[in-house]
Amino acid sequence: MLELIDIDIDNAVAFRVSGKITENDMSVVLERASEKIEHYGDIVFFEQIDSFDGIEIGAIVAEFKYLFDVGLSNIKKVAILTDEKWIESVASFESTIFVGIEIKCFSTDDQLSAMMFLKAS
């Protein structure tokens, strides 16, 4: 399940993950991203991962379709709150692929640093 949350950063798309991400969950996040891009131009992502039990193939397809249609140029930073080392490894790998996006992981008890990272120019 994916739940949108508010973190008081106007251009942020923020959400909490617990369990499995469905195609519907992904659609909600991507719709929010489109709205934020339309309003602010550049956006940032805040991902709080409480637990992760997988992702539906439809959600992956929706994400790739979105990235193909919209692109990545409006995404500037991604802050991920997690204590899972494997997620940190995935984020590190993604940062080598998506070179124009700053991707950084923070421990779950360090939300303040994640917020400061997203707010910094």
PDB file of N, CA and C in Angstrom:
ATOM      1  N   MET A   1       0.837  -1.172   0.000  1.00  0.00           N
ATOM      2  CA  MET A   1       0.000   0.000   0.000  1.00  0.00           C
ATOM      3  C   MET A   1       0.887   1.241   0.000  1.00  0.00           C
ATOM      4  N   LEU A   2       0.433   2.215  -0.708  1.00  0.00           N
ATOM      5  CA  LEU A   2       1.150   3.469  -0.813  1.00  0.00           C
ATOM      6  C   LEU A   2       0.200   4.582  -0.387  1.00  0.00           C
ATOM      7  N   GLU A   3       0.631   5.425   0.536  1.00  0.00           N
ATOM      8  CA  GLU A   3      -0.204   6.489   1.067  1.00  0.00           C
ATOM      9  C   GLU A   3       0.486   7.834   0.865  1.00  0.00           C
ATOM     10  N   LEU A   4      -0.203   8.762   0.205  1.00  0.00           N
ATOM     11  CA  LEU A   4       0.340  10.114   0.056  1.00  0.00           C
ATOM     12  C   LEU A   4       0.365  10.778   1.419  1.00  0.00           C
ATOM     13  N   ILE A   5       1.447  11.529   1.692  1.00  0.00           N
ATOM     14  CA  ILE A   5       1.571  12.251   2.949  1.00  0.00           C
ATOM     15  C   ILE A   5       1.998  13.686   2.653  1.00  0.00           C
ATOM     16  N   ASP A   6       1.825  14.559   3.620  1.00  0.00           N
ATOM     17  CA  ASP A   6       2.208  15.958   3.477  1.00  0.00           C
ATOM     18  C   ASP A   6       3.457  16.212   4.313  1.00  0.00           C
ATOM     19  N   ILE A   7       4.467  16.811   3.696  1.00  0.00           N
ATOM     20  CA  ILE A   7       5.710  17.106   4.423  1.00  0.00           C
ATOM     21  C   ILE A   7       6.029  18.599   4.418  1.00  0.00           C
ATOM     22  N   ASP A   8       5.088  19.422   4.023  1.00  0.00           N
ATOM     23  CA  ASP A   8       5.263  20.877   4.023  1.00  0.00           C
ATOM     24  C   ASP A   8       6.395  21.368   3.112  1.00  0.00           C
ATOM     25  N   ILE A   9       6.594  20.689   2.009  1.00  0.00           N
ATOM     26  CA  ILE A   9       7.466  21.168   0.939  1.00  0.00           C
ATOM     27  C   ILE A   9       6.573  21.235  -0.290  1.00  0.00           C
ATOM     28  N   ASP A  10       6.345  22.451  -0.779  1.00  0.00           N
ATOM     29  CA  ASP A  10       5.338  22.661  -1.822  1.00  0.00           C
ATOM     30  C   ASP A  10       5.527  21.798  -3.058  1.00  0.00           C
ATOM     31  N   ASN A  11       6.763  21.643  -3.518  1.00  0.00           N
ATOM     32  CA  ASN A  11       6.994  20.912  -4.767  1.00  0.00           C
ATOM     33  C   ASN A  11       7.330  19.435  -4.546  1.00  0.00           C
ATOM     34  N   ALA A  12       7.002  18.924  -3.358  1.00  0.00           N
ATOM     35  CA  ALA A  12       7.320  17.527  -3.042  1.00  0.00           C
ATOM     36  C   ALA A  12       6.142  16.598  -3.303  1.00  0.00           C
ATOM     37  N   VAL A  13       6.467  15.447  -3.842  1.00  0.00           N
ATOM     38  CA  VAL A  13       5.546  14.327  -3.905  1.00  0.00           C
ATOM     39  C   VAL A  13       6.018  13.384  -2.799  1.00  0.00           C
ATOM     40  N   ALA A  14       5.215  13.257  -1.756  1.00  0.00           N
ATOM     41  CA  ALA A  14       5.631  12.500  -0.581  1.00  0.00           C
ATOM     42  C   ALA A  14       4.664  11.348  -0.329  1.00  0.00           C
ATOM     43  N   PHE A  15       5.241  10.198  -0.010  1.00  0.00           N
ATOM     44  CA  PHE A  15       4.393   9.047   0.271  1.00  0.00           C
ATOM     45  C   PHE A  15       5.073   8.060   1.197  1.00  0.00           C
ATOM     46  N   ARG A  16       4.231   7.234   1.816  1.00  0.00           N
ATOM     47  CA  ARG A  16       4.675   6.177   2.728  1.00  0.00           C
ATOM     48  C   ARG A  16       4.312   4.838   2.091  1.00  0.00           C
ATOM     49  N   VAL A  17       5.258   3.916   2.113  1.00  0.00           N
ATOM     50  CA  VAL A  17       5.049   2.572   1.573  1.00  0.00           C
ATOM     51  C   VAL A  17       4.985   1.585   2.729  1.00  0.00           C
ATOM     52  N   SER A  18       3.921   0.780   2.710  1.00  0.00           N
ATOM     53  CA  SER A  18       3.837  -0.334   3.659  1.00  0.00           C
ATOM     54  C   SER A  18       3.133  -1.478   2.942  1.00  0.00           C
ATOM     55  N   GLY A  19       3.868  -2.525   2.703  1.00  0.00           N
ATOM     56  CA  GLY A  19       3.295  -3.663   1.994  1.00  0.00           C
ATOM     57  C   GLY A  19       3.608  -3.631   0.520  1.00  0.00           C
ATOM     58  N   LYS A  20       2.646  -4.085  -0.278  1.00  0.00           N
ATOM     59  CA  LYS A  20       2.821  -4.216  -1.722  1.00  0.00           C
ATOM     60  C   LYS A  20       2.288  -2.973  -2.437  1.00  0.00           C
ATOM     61  N   ILE A  21       3.023  -2.511  -3.438  1.00  0.00           N
ATOM     62  CA  ILE A  21       2.603  -1.365  -4.246  1.00  0.00           C
ATOM     63  C   ILE A  21       1.763  -1.881  -5.416  1.00  0.00           C
ATOM     64  N   THR A  22       0.539  -1.358  -5.511  1.00  0.00           N
ATOM     65  CA  THR A  22      -0.365  -1.776  -6.573  1.00  0.00           C
ATOM     66  C   THR A  22      -0.303  -0.801  -7.741  1.00  0.00           C
ATOM     67  N   GLU A  23      -0.897  -1.208  -8.851  1.00  0.00           N
ATOM     68  CA  GLU A  23      -0.980  -0.328 -10.016  1.00  0.00           C
ATOM     69  C   GLU A  23      -1.762   0.933  -9.665  1.00  0.00           C
ATOM     70  N   ASN A  24      -2.824   0.786  -8.890  1.00  0.00           N
ATOM     71  CA  ASN A  24      -3.614   1.942  -8.463  1.00  0.00           C
ATOM     72  C   ASN A  24      -2.778   2.892  -7.600  1.00  0.00           C
ATOM     73  N   ASP A  25      -1.989   2.337  -6.675  1.00  0.00           N
ATOM     74  CA  ASP A  25      -1.103   3.155  -5.843  1.00  0.00           C
ATOM     75  C   ASP A  25      -0.177   3.990  -6.720  1.00  0.00           C
ATOM     76  N   MET A  26       0.438   3.333  -7.697  1.00  0.00           N
ATOM     77  CA  MET A  26       1.381   4.015  -8.576  1.00  0.00           C
ATOM     78  C   MET A  26       0.680   5.111  -9.371  1.00  0.00           C
ATOM     79  N   SER A  27      -0.527   4.838  -9.841  1.00  0.00           N
ATOM     80  CA  SER A  27      -1.279   5.833 -10.604  1.00  0.00           C
ATOM     81  C   SER A  27      -1.534   7.087  -9.780  1.00  0.00           C
ATOM     82  N   VAL A  28      -1.848   6.917  -8.493  1.00  0.00           N
ATOM     83  CA  VAL A  28      -2.096   8.058  -7.609  1.00  0.00           C
ATOM     84  C   VAL A  28      -0.832   8.911  -7.468  1.00  0.00           C
ATOM     85  N   VAL A  29       0.311   8.265  -7.268  1.00  0.00           N
ATOM     86  CA  VAL A  29       1.577   8.994  -7.115  1.00  0.00           C
ATOM     87  C   VAL A  29       1.950   9.708  -8.412  1.00  0.00           C
ATOM     88  N   LEU A  30       1.800   9.029  -9.535  1.00  0.00           N
ATOM     89  CA  LEU A  30       2.171   9.632 -10.807  1.00  0.00           C
ATOM     90  C   LEU A  30       1.252  10.792 -11.167  1.00  0.00           C
ATOM     91  N   GLU A  31      -0.010  10.683 -10.812  1.00  0.00           N
ATOM     92  CA  GLU A  31      -0.936  11.797 -11.032  1.00  0.00           C
ATOM     93  C   GLU A  31      -0.525  12.999 -10.184  1.00  0.00           C
ATOM     94  N   ARG A  32      -0.157  12.752  -8.934  1.00  0.00           N
ATOM     95  CA  ARG A  32       0.309  13.835  -8.058  1.00  0.00           C
ATOM     96  C   ARG A  32       1.577  14.463  -8.614  1.00  0.00           C
ATOM     97  N   ALA A  33       2.488  13.645  -9.124  1.00  0.00           N
ATOM     98  CA  ALA A  33       3.727  14.161  -9.715  1.00  0.00           C
ATOM     99  C   ALA A  33       3.411  15.070 -10.902  1.00  0.00           C
ATOM    100  N   SER A  34       2.493  14.645 -11.752  1.00  0.00           N
ATOM    101  CA  SER A  34       2.114  15.468 -12.910  1.00  0.00           C
ATOM    102  C   SER A  34       1.538  16.806 -12.471  1.00  0.00           C
ATOM    103  N   GLU A  35       0.688  16.784 -11.447  1.00  0.00           N
ATOM    104  CA  GLU A  35       0.094  18.024 -10.931  1.00  0.00           C
ATOM    105  C   GLU A  35       1.177  18.965 -10.391  1.00  0.00           C
ATOM    106  N   LYS A  36       2.117  18.403  -9.634  1.00  0.00           N
ATOM    107  CA  LYS A  36       3.192  19.218  -9.043  1.00  0.00           C
ATOM    108  C   LYS A  36       4.092  19.789 -10.135  1.00  0.00           C
ATOM    109  N   ILE A  37       4.403  18.999 -11.155  1.00  0.00           N
ATOM    110  CA  ILE A  37       5.237  19.487 -12.261  1.00  0.00           C
ATOM    111  C   ILE A  37       4.531  20.637 -12.976  1.00  0.00           C
ATOM    112  N   GLU A  38       3.247  20.465 -13.217  1.00  0.00           N
ATOM    113  CA  GLU A  38       2.478  21.505 -13.898  1.00  0.00           C
ATOM    114  C   GLU A  38       2.479  22.810 -13.096  1.00  0.00           C
ATOM    115  N   HIS A  39       2.421  22.680 -11.780  1.00  0.00           N
ATOM    116  CA  HIS A  39       2.337  23.872 -10.928  1.00  0.00           C
ATOM    117  C   HIS A  39       3.706  24.464 -10.584  1.00  0.00           C
ATOM    118  N   TYR A  40       4.700  23.603 -10.311  1.00  0.00           N
ATOM    119  CA  TYR A  40       6.002  24.081  -9.815  1.00  0.00           C
ATOM    120  C   TYR A  40       7.159  23.916 -10.805  1.00  0.00           C
ATOM    121  N   GLY A  41       6.997  23.113 -11.822  1.00  0.00           N
ATOM    122  CA  GLY A  41       8.109  22.851 -12.729  1.00  0.00           C
ATOM    123  C   GLY A  41       8.947  21.701 -12.206  1.00  0.00           C
ATOM    124  N   ASP A  42       9.914  21.991 -11.372  1.00  0.00           N
ATOM    125  CA  ASP A  42      10.775  20.960 -10.790  1.00  0.00           C
ATOM    126  C   ASP A  42      10.147  20.403  -9.516  1.00  0.00           C
ATOM    127  N   ILE A  43      10.314  19.099  -9.318  1.00  0.00           N
ATOM    128  CA  ILE A  43       9.760  18.455  -8.135  1.00  0.00           C
ATOM    129  C   ILE A  43      10.821  17.614  -7.435  1.00  0.00           C
ATOM    130  N   VAL A  44      10.496  17.249  -6.202  1.00  0.00           N
ATOM    131  CA  VAL A  44      11.315  16.330  -5.411  1.00  0.00           C
ATOM    132  C   VAL A  44      10.403  15.231  -4.879  1.00  0.00           C
ATOM    133  N   PHE A  45      10.998  14.094  -4.549  1.00  0.00           N
ATOM    134  CA  PHE A  45      10.245  12.975  -3.989  1.00  0.00           C
ATOM    135  C   PHE A  45      10.738  12.672  -2.585  1.00  0.00           C
ATOM    136  N   PHE A  46       9.799  12.358  -1.701  1.00  0.00           N
ATOM    137  CA  PHE A  46      10.069  11.886  -0.351  1.00  0.00           C
ATOM    138  C   PHE A  46       9.389  10.536  -0.216  1.00  0.00           C
ATOM    139  N   GLU A  47      10.178   9.493   0.022  1.00  0.00           N
ATOM    140  CA  GLU A  47       9.649   8.135   0.128  1.00  0.00           C
ATOM    141  C   GLU A  47       9.982   7.573   1.502  1.00  0.00           C
ATOM    142  N   GLN A  48       8.955   7.319   2.298  1.00  0.00           N
ATOM    143  CA  GLN A  48       9.135   6.689   3.603  1.00  0.00           C
ATOM    144  C   GLN A  48       8.742   5.231   3.454  1.00  0.00           C
ATOM    145  N   ILE A  49       9.711   4.339   3.576  1.00  0.00           N
ATOM    146  CA  ILE A  49       9.449   2.916   3.357  1.00  0.00           C
ATOM    147  C   ILE A  49       9.407   2.215   4.712  1.00  0.00           C
ATOM    148  N   ASP A  50       8.177   1.979   5.179  1.00  0.00           N
ATOM    149  CA  ASP A  50       7.983   1.278   6.450  1.00  0.00           C
ATOM    150  C   ASP A  50       8.160  -0.220   6.274  1.00  0.00           C
ATOM    151  N   SER A  51       7.613  -0.743   5.193  1.00  0.00           N
ATOM    152  CA  SER A  51       7.818  -2.148   4.818  1.00  0.00           C
ATOM    153  C   SER A  51       7.567  -2.252   3.316  1.00  0.00           C
ATOM    154  N   PHE A  52       8.167  -3.249   2.702  1.00  0.00           N
ATOM    155  CA  PHE A  52       8.022  -3.414   1.261  1.00  0.00           C
ATOM    156  C   PHE A  52       7.857  -4.890   0.951  1.00  0.00           C
ATOM    157  N   ASP A  53       6.687  -5.233   0.392  1.00  0.00           N
ATOM    158  CA  ASP A  53       6.387  -6.626   0.065  1.00  0.00           C
ATOM    159  C   ASP A  53       6.268  -6.866  -1.432  1.00  0.00           C
ATOM    160  N   GLY A  54       6.808  -5.948  -2.238  1.00  0.00           N
ATOM    161  CA  GLY A  54       6.803  -6.135  -3.670  1.00  0.00           C
ATOM    162  C   GLY A  54       5.996  -5.073  -4.389  1.00  0.00           C
ATOM    163  N   ILE A  55       5.965  -5.217  -5.709  1.00  0.00           N
ATOM    164  CA  ILE A  55       5.280  -4.260  -6.566  1.00  0.00           C
ATOM    165  C   ILE A  55       4.605  -5.025  -7.703  1.00  0.00           C
ATOM    166  N   GLU A  56       3.360  -4.686  -7.966  1.00  0.00           N
ATOM    167  CA  GLU A  56       2.637  -5.333  -9.058  1.00  0.00           C
ATOM    168  C   GLU A  56       3.272  -4.956 -10.398  1.00  0.00           C
ATOM    169  N   ILE A  57       3.244  -5.891 -11.338  1.00  0.00           N
ATOM    170  CA  ILE A  57       3.808  -5.635 -12.664  1.00  0.00           C
ATOM    171  C   ILE A  57       3.109  -4.449 -13.318  1.00  0.00           C
ATOM    172  N   GLY A  58       1.814  -4.290 -13.089  1.00  0.00           N
ATOM    173  CA  GLY A  58       1.073  -3.151 -13.639  1.00  0.00           C
ATOM    174  C   GLY A  58       1.594  -1.826 -13.132  1.00  0.00           C
ATOM    175  N   ALA A  59       2.060  -1.797 -11.884  1.00  0.00           N
ATOM    176  CA  ALA A  59       2.632  -0.578 -11.315  1.00  0.00           C
ATOM    177  C   ALA A  59       3.953  -0.237 -12.002  1.00  0.00           C
ATOM    178  N   ILE A  60       4.743  -1.245 -12.294  1.00  0.00           N
ATOM    179  CA  ILE A  60       6.018  -1.029 -12.994  1.00  0.00           C
ATOM    180  C   ILE A  60       5.762  -0.512 -14.404  1.00  0.00           C
ATOM    181  N   VAL A  61       4.799  -1.114 -15.074  1.00  0.00           N
ATOM    182  CA  VAL A  61       4.456  -0.679 -16.427  1.00  0.00           C
ATOM    183  C   VAL A  61       3.977   0.773 -16.407  1.00  0.00           C
ATOM    184  N   ALA A  62       3.116   1.117 -15.445  1.00  0.00           N
ATOM    185  CA  ALA A  62       2.610   2.495 -15.334  1.00  0.00           C
ATOM    186  C   ALA A  62       3.750   3.479 -15.103  1.00  0.00           C
ATOM    187  N   GLU A  63       4.718   3.096 -14.257  1.00  0.00           N
ATOM    188  CA  GLU A  63       5.850   3.976 -13.978  1.00  0.00           C
ATOM    189  C   GLU A  63       6.710   4.180 -15.228  1.00  0.00           C
ATOM    190  N   PHE A  64       7.014   3.106 -15.932  1.00  0.00           N
ATOM    191  CA  PHE A  64       7.823   3.236 -17.147  1.00  0.00           C
ATOM    192  C   PHE A  64       7.105   4.048 -18.225  1.00  0.00           C
ATOM    193  N   LYS A  65       5.804   3.849 -18.356  1.00  0.00           N
ATOM    194  CA  LYS A  65       5.033   4.621 -19.322  1.00  0.00           C
ATOM    195  C   LYS A  65       5.081   6.103 -18.960  1.00  0.00           C
ATOM    196  N   TYR A  66       4.931   6.408 -17.684  1.00  0.00           N
ATOM    197  CA  TYR A  66       4.996   7.783 -17.215  1.00  0.00           C
ATOM    198  C   TYR A  66       6.364   8.383 -17.530  1.00  0.00           C
ATOM    199  N   LEU A  67       7.425   7.671 -17.191  1.00  0.00           N
ATOM    200  CA  LEU A  67       8.774   8.178 -17.420  1.00  0.00           C
ATOM    201  C   LEU A  67       9.047   8.362 -18.907  1.00  0.00           C
ATOM    202  N   PHE A  68       8.517   7.488 -19.734  1.00  0.00           N
ATOM    203  CA  PHE A  68       8.675   7.625 -21.183  1.00  0.00           C
ATOM    204  C   PHE A  68       7.929   8.859 -21.694  1.00  0.00           C
ATOM    205  N   ASP A  69       6.703   9.066 -21.206  1.00  0.00           N
ATOM    206  CA  ASP A  69       5.869  10.188 -21.653  1.00  0.00           C
ATOM    207  C   ASP A  69       6.338  11.527 -21.105  1.00  0.00           C
ATOM    208  N   VAL A  70       6.655  11.574 -19.822  1.00  0.00           N
ATOM    209  CA  VAL A  70       6.972  12.836 -19.143  1.00  0.00           C
ATOM    210  C   VAL A  70       8.473  13.084 -19.061  1.00  0.00           C
ATOM    211  N   GLY A  71       9.236  12.033 -18.878  1.00  0.00           N
ATOM    212  CA  GLY A  71      10.685  12.177 -18.736  1.00  0.00           C
ATOM    213  C   GLY A  71      11.101  12.366 -17.293  1.00  0.00           C
ATOM    214  N   LEU A  72      12.378  12.606 -17.110  1.00  0.00           N
ATOM    215  CA  LEU A  72      12.961  12.728 -15.778  1.00  0.00           C
ATOM    216  C   LEU A  72      13.467  14.130 -15.467  1.00  0.00           C
ATOM    217  N   SER A  73      13.468  15.010 -16.438  1.00  0.00           N
ATOM    218  CA  SER A  73      14.130  16.304 -16.269  1.00  0.00           C
ATOM    219  C   SER A  73      13.531  17.176 -15.176  1.00  0.00           C
ATOM    220  N   ASN A  74      12.295  16.937 -14.782  1.00  0.00           N
ATOM    221  CA  ASN A  74      11.672  17.750 -13.738  1.00  0.00           C
ATOM    222  C   ASN A  74      11.911  17.202 -12.334  1.00  0.00           C
ATOM    223  N   ILE A  75      12.461  16.014 -12.227  1.00  0.00           N
ATOM    224  CA  ILE A  75      12.721  15.410 -10.919  1.00  0.00           C
ATOM    225  C   ILE A  75      14.144  15.757 -10.518  1.00  0.00           C
ATOM    226  N   LYS A  76      14.286  16.487  -9.414  1.00  0.00           N
ATOM    227  CA  LYS A  76      15.608  16.961  -8.993  1.00  0.00           C
ATOM    228  C   LYS A  76      16.227  16.121  -7.882  1.00  0.00           C
ATOM    229  N   LYS A  77      15.414  15.720  -6.903  1.00  0.00           N
ATOM    230  CA  LYS A  77      15.946  14.976  -5.763  1.00  0.00           C
ATOM    231  C   LYS A  77      14.948  13.930  -5.296  1.00  0.00           C
ATOM    232  N   VAL A  78      15.507  12.875  -4.693  1.00  0.00           N
ATOM    233  CA  VAL A  78      14.697  11.843  -4.063  1.00  0.00           C
ATOM    234  C   VAL A  78      15.326  11.535  -2.706  1.00  0.00           C
ATOM    235  N   ALA A  79      14.527  11.670  -1.653  1.00  0.00           N
ATOM    236  CA  ALA A  79      14.959  11.300  -0.305  1.00  0.00           C
ATOM    237  C   ALA A  79      14.176  10.057   0.093  1.00  0.00           C
ATOM    238  N   ILE A  80      14.899   9.040   0.535  1.00  0.00           N
ATOM    239  CA  ILE A  80      14.276   7.775   0.915  1.00  0.00           C
ATOM    240  C   ILE A  80      14.579   7.506   2.378  1.00  0.00           C
ATOM    241  N   LEU A  81      13.526   7.357   3.171  1.00  0.00           N
ATOM    242  CA  LEU A  81      13.660   7.011   4.587  1.00  0.00           C
ATOM    243  C   LEU A  81      13.504   5.503   4.722  1.00  0.00           C
ATOM    244  N   THR A  82      14.563   4.834   5.112  1.00  0.00           N
ATOM    245  CA  THR A  82      14.515   3.374   5.265  1.00  0.00           C
ATOM    246  C   THR A  82      15.666   2.904   6.138  1.00  0.00           C
ATOM    247  N   ASP A  83      15.461   1.772   6.766  1.00  0.00           N
ATOM    248  CA  ASP A  83      16.540   1.117   7.492  1.00  0.00           C
ATOM    249  C   ASP A  83      16.947  -0.186   6.808  1.00  0.00           C
ATOM    250  N   GLU A  84      16.381  -0.424   5.631  1.00  0.00           N
ATOM    251  CA  GLU A  84      16.684  -1.633   4.868  1.00  0.00           C
ATOM    252  C   GLU A  84      17.917  -1.413   3.989  1.00  0.00           C
ATOM    253  N   LYS A  85      18.960  -2.178   4.239  1.00  0.00           N
ATOM    254  CA  LYS A  85      20.211  -2.023   3.483  1.00  0.00           C
ATOM    255  C   LYS A  85      20.024  -2.334   2.003  1.00  0.00           C
ATOM    256  N   TRP A  86      19.172  -3.299   1.665  1.00  0.00           N
ATOM    257  CA  TRP A  86      18.987  -3.650   0.257  1.00  0.00           C
ATOM    258  C   TRP A  86      18.335  -2.502  -0.504  1.00  0.00           C
ATOM    259  N   ILE A  87      17.468  -1.735   0.155  1.00  0.00           N
ATOM    260  CA  ILE A  87      16.853  -0.579  -0.496  1.00  0.00           C
ATOM    261  C   ILE A  87      17.918   0.494  -0.728  1.00  0.00           C
ATOM    262  N   GLU A  88      18.820   0.655   0.218  1.00  0.00           N
ATOM    263  CA  GLU A  88      19.925   1.600   0.044  1.00  0.00           C
ATOM    264  C   GLU A  88      20.784   1.191  -1.159  1.00  0.00           C
ATOM    265  N   SER A  89      21.002  -0.093  -1.336  1.00  0.00           N
ATOM    266  CA  SER A  89      21.784  -0.579  -2.483  1.00  0.00           C
ATOM    267  C   SER A  89      21.067  -0.284  -3.795  1.00  0.00           C
ATOM    268  N   VAL A  90      19.755  -0.495  -3.819  1.00  0.00           N
ATOM    269  CA  VAL A  90      18.968  -0.202  -5.017  1.00  0.00           C
ATOM    270  C   VAL A  90      19.038   1.298  -5.322  1.00  0.00           C
ATOM    271  N   ALA A  91      18.897   2.132  -4.291  1.00  0.00           N
ATOM    272  CA  ALA A  91      18.952   3.585  -4.480  1.00  0.00           C
ATOM    273  C   ALA A  91      20.318   4.013  -5.010  1.00  0.00           C
ATOM    274  N   SER A  92      21.373   3.400  -4.506  1.00  0.00           N
ATOM    275  CA  SER A  92      22.722   3.706  -4.978  1.00  0.00           C
ATOM    276  C   SER A  92      22.866   3.351  -6.456  1.00  0.00           C
ATOM    277  N   PHE A  93      22.334   2.205  -6.842  1.00  0.00           N
ATOM    278  CA  PHE A  93      22.364   1.789  -8.241  1.00  0.00           C
ATOM    279  C   PHE A  93      21.557   2.759  -9.103  1.00  0.00           C
ATOM    280  N   GLU A  94      20.359   3.145  -8.634  1.00  0.00           N
ATOM    281  CA  GLU A  94      19.522   4.076  -9.398  1.00  0.00           C
ATOM    282  C   GLU A  94      20.225   5.418  -9.594  1.00  0.00           C
ATOM    283  N   SER A  95      20.993   5.855  -8.610  1.00  0.00           N
ATOM    284  CA  SER A  95      21.669   7.147  -8.745  1.00  0.00           C
ATOM    285  C   SER A  95      22.738   7.113  -9.831  1.00  0.00           C
ATOM    286  N   THR A  96      23.255   5.932 -10.154  1.00  0.00           N
ATOM    287  CA  THR A  96      24.215   5.838 -11.257  1.00  0.00           C
ATOM    288  C   THR A  96      23.513   5.838 -12.610  1.00  0.00           C
ATOM    289  N   ILE A  97      22.261   5.399 -12.631  1.00  0.00           N
ATOM    290  CA  ILE A  97      21.487   5.377 -13.878  1.00  0.00           C
ATOM    291  C   ILE A  97      20.860   6.742 -14.148  1.00  0.00           C
ATOM    292  N   PHE A  98      20.260   7.322 -13.123  1.00  0.00           N
ATOM    293  CA  PHE A  98      19.565   8.609 -13.253  1.00  0.00           C
ATOM    294  C   PHE A  98      20.490   9.719 -12.772  1.00  0.00           C
ATOM    295  N   VAL A  99      21.506  10.041 -13.574  1.00  0.00           N
ATOM    296  CA  VAL A  99      22.577  10.941 -13.155  1.00  0.00           C
ATOM    297  C   VAL A  99      22.109  12.366 -12.870  1.00  0.00           C
ATOM    298  N   GLY A 100      21.007  12.797 -13.421  1.00  0.00           N
ATOM    299  CA  GLY A 100      20.522  14.153 -13.182  1.00  0.00           C
ATOM    300  C   GLY A 100      19.692  14.300 -11.925  1.00  0.00           C
ATOM    301  N   ILE A 101      19.486  13.186 -11.206  1.00  0.00           N
ATOM    302  CA  ILE A 101      18.652  13.203 -10.007  1.00  0.00           C
ATOM    303  C   ILE A 101      19.514  12.828  -8.805  1.00  0.00           C
ATOM    304  N   GLU A 102      19.476  13.664  -7.771  1.00  0.00           N
ATOM    305  CA  GLU A 102      20.171  13.337  -6.526  1.00  0.00           C
ATOM    306  C   GLU A 102      19.283  12.398  -5.727  1.00  0.00           C
ATOM    307  N   ILE A 103      19.766  11.198  -5.452  1.00  0.00           N
ATOM    308  CA  ILE A 103      19.025  10.197  -4.691  1.00  0.00           C
ATOM    309  C   ILE A 103      19.823   9.879  -3.441  1.00  0.00           C
ATOM    310  N   LYS A 104      19.170  10.017  -2.294  1.00  0.00           N
ATOM    311  CA  LYS A 104      19.882   9.796  -1.041  1.00  0.00           C
ATOM    312  C   LYS A 104      18.975   9.083  -0.046  1.00  0.00           C
ATOM    313  N   CYS A 105      19.539   8.114   0.676  1.00  0.00           N
ATOM    314  CA  CYS A 105      18.808   7.390   1.714  1.00  0.00           C
ATOM    315  C   CYS A 105      19.137   7.955   3.089  1.00  0.00           C
ATOM    316  N   PHE A 106      18.149   7.911   3.950  1.00  0.00           N
ATOM    317  CA  PHE A 106      18.280   8.355   5.330  1.00  0.00           C
ATOM    318  C   PHE A 106      17.650   7.301   6.225  1.00  0.00           C
ATOM    319  N   SER A 107      18.184   7.154   7.439  1.00  0.00           N
ATOM    320  CA  SER A 107      17.567   6.204   8.366  1.00  0.00           C
ATOM    321  C   SER A 107      16.205   6.737   8.793  1.00  0.00           C
ATOM    322  N   THR A 108      15.348   5.845   9.219  1.00  0.00           N
ATOM    323  CA  THR A 108      13.978   6.235   9.544  1.00  0.00           C
ATOM    324  C   THR A 108      13.896   7.237  10.688  1.00  0.00           C
ATOM    325  N   ASP A 109      14.909   7.305  11.509  1.00  0.00           N
ATOM    326  CA  ASP A 109      14.889   8.283  12.604  1.00  0.00           C
ATOM    327  C   ASP A 109      15.580   9.595  12.228  1.00  0.00           C
ATOM    328  N   ASP A 110      15.873   9.803  10.951  1.00  0.00           N
ATOM    329  CA  ASP A 110      16.564  11.007  10.495  1.00  0.00           C
ATOM    330  C   ASP A 110      15.750  11.767   9.444  1.00  0.00           C
ATOM    331  N   GLN A 111      14.457  11.905   9.697  1.00  0.00           N
ATOM    332  CA  GLN A 111      13.580  12.593   8.757  1.00  0.00           C
ATOM    333  C   GLN A 111      13.984  14.054   8.579  1.00  0.00           C
ATOM    334  N   LEU A 112      14.472  14.701   9.615  1.00  0.00           N
ATOM    335  CA  LEU A 112      14.875  16.103   9.535  1.00  0.00           C
ATOM    336  C   LEU A 112      15.978  16.292   8.487  1.00  0.00           C
ATOM    337  N   SER A 113      16.967  15.417   8.471  1.00  0.00           N
ATOM    338  CA  SER A 113      18.038  15.521   7.474  1.00  0.00           C
ATOM    339  C   SER A 113      17.499  15.309   6.061  1.00  0.00           C
ATOM    340  N   ALA A 114      16.548  14.399   5.921  1.00  0.00           N
ATOM    341  CA  ALA A 114      15.945  14.158   4.604  1.00  0.00           C
ATOM    342  C   ALA A 114      15.213  15.412   4.125  1.00  0.00           C
ATOM    343  N   MET A 115      14.510  16.066   5.019  1.00  0.00           N
ATOM    344  CA  MET A 115      13.773  17.287   4.663  1.00  0.00           C
ATOM    345  C   MET A 115      14.760  18.400   4.281  1.00  0.00           C
ATOM    346  N   MET A 116      15.825  18.537   5.039  1.00  0.00           N
ATOM    347  CA  MET A 116      16.833  19.564   4.734  1.00  0.00           C
ATOM    348  C   MET A 116      17.473  19.287   3.373  1.00  0.00           C
ATOM    349  N   PHE A 117      17.741  18.034   3.073  1.00  0.00           N
ATOM    350  CA  PHE A 117      18.294  17.637   1.776  1.00  0.00           C
ATOM    351  C   PHE A 117      17.369  18.073   0.639  1.00  0.00           C
ATOM    352  N   LEU A 118      16.074  17.828   0.778  1.00  0.00           N
ATOM    353  CA  LEU A 118      15.123  18.177  -0.269  1.00  0.00           C
ATOM    354  C   LEU A 118      14.974  19.681  -0.430  1.00  0.00           C
ATOM    355  N   LYS A 119      15.083  20.419   0.657  1.00  0.00           N
ATOM    356  CA  LYS A 119      14.915  21.875   0.603  1.00  0.00           C
ATOM    357  C   LYS A 119      16.144  22.606   0.079  1.00  0.00           C
ATOM    358  N   ALA A 120      17.328  21.990   0.216  1.00  0.00           N
ATOM    359  CA  ALA A 120      18.577  22.638  -0.215  1.00  0.00           C
ATOM    360  C   ALA A 120      18.630  22.747  -1.727  1.00  0.00           C
ATOM    361  N   SER A 121      19.119  23.858  -2.210  1.00  0.00           N
ATOM    362  CA  SER A 121      19.222  24.075  -3.666  1.00  0.00           C
ATOM    363  C   SER A 121      20.345  23.284  -4.274  1.00  0.00           C
TER     364      SER A 121
END
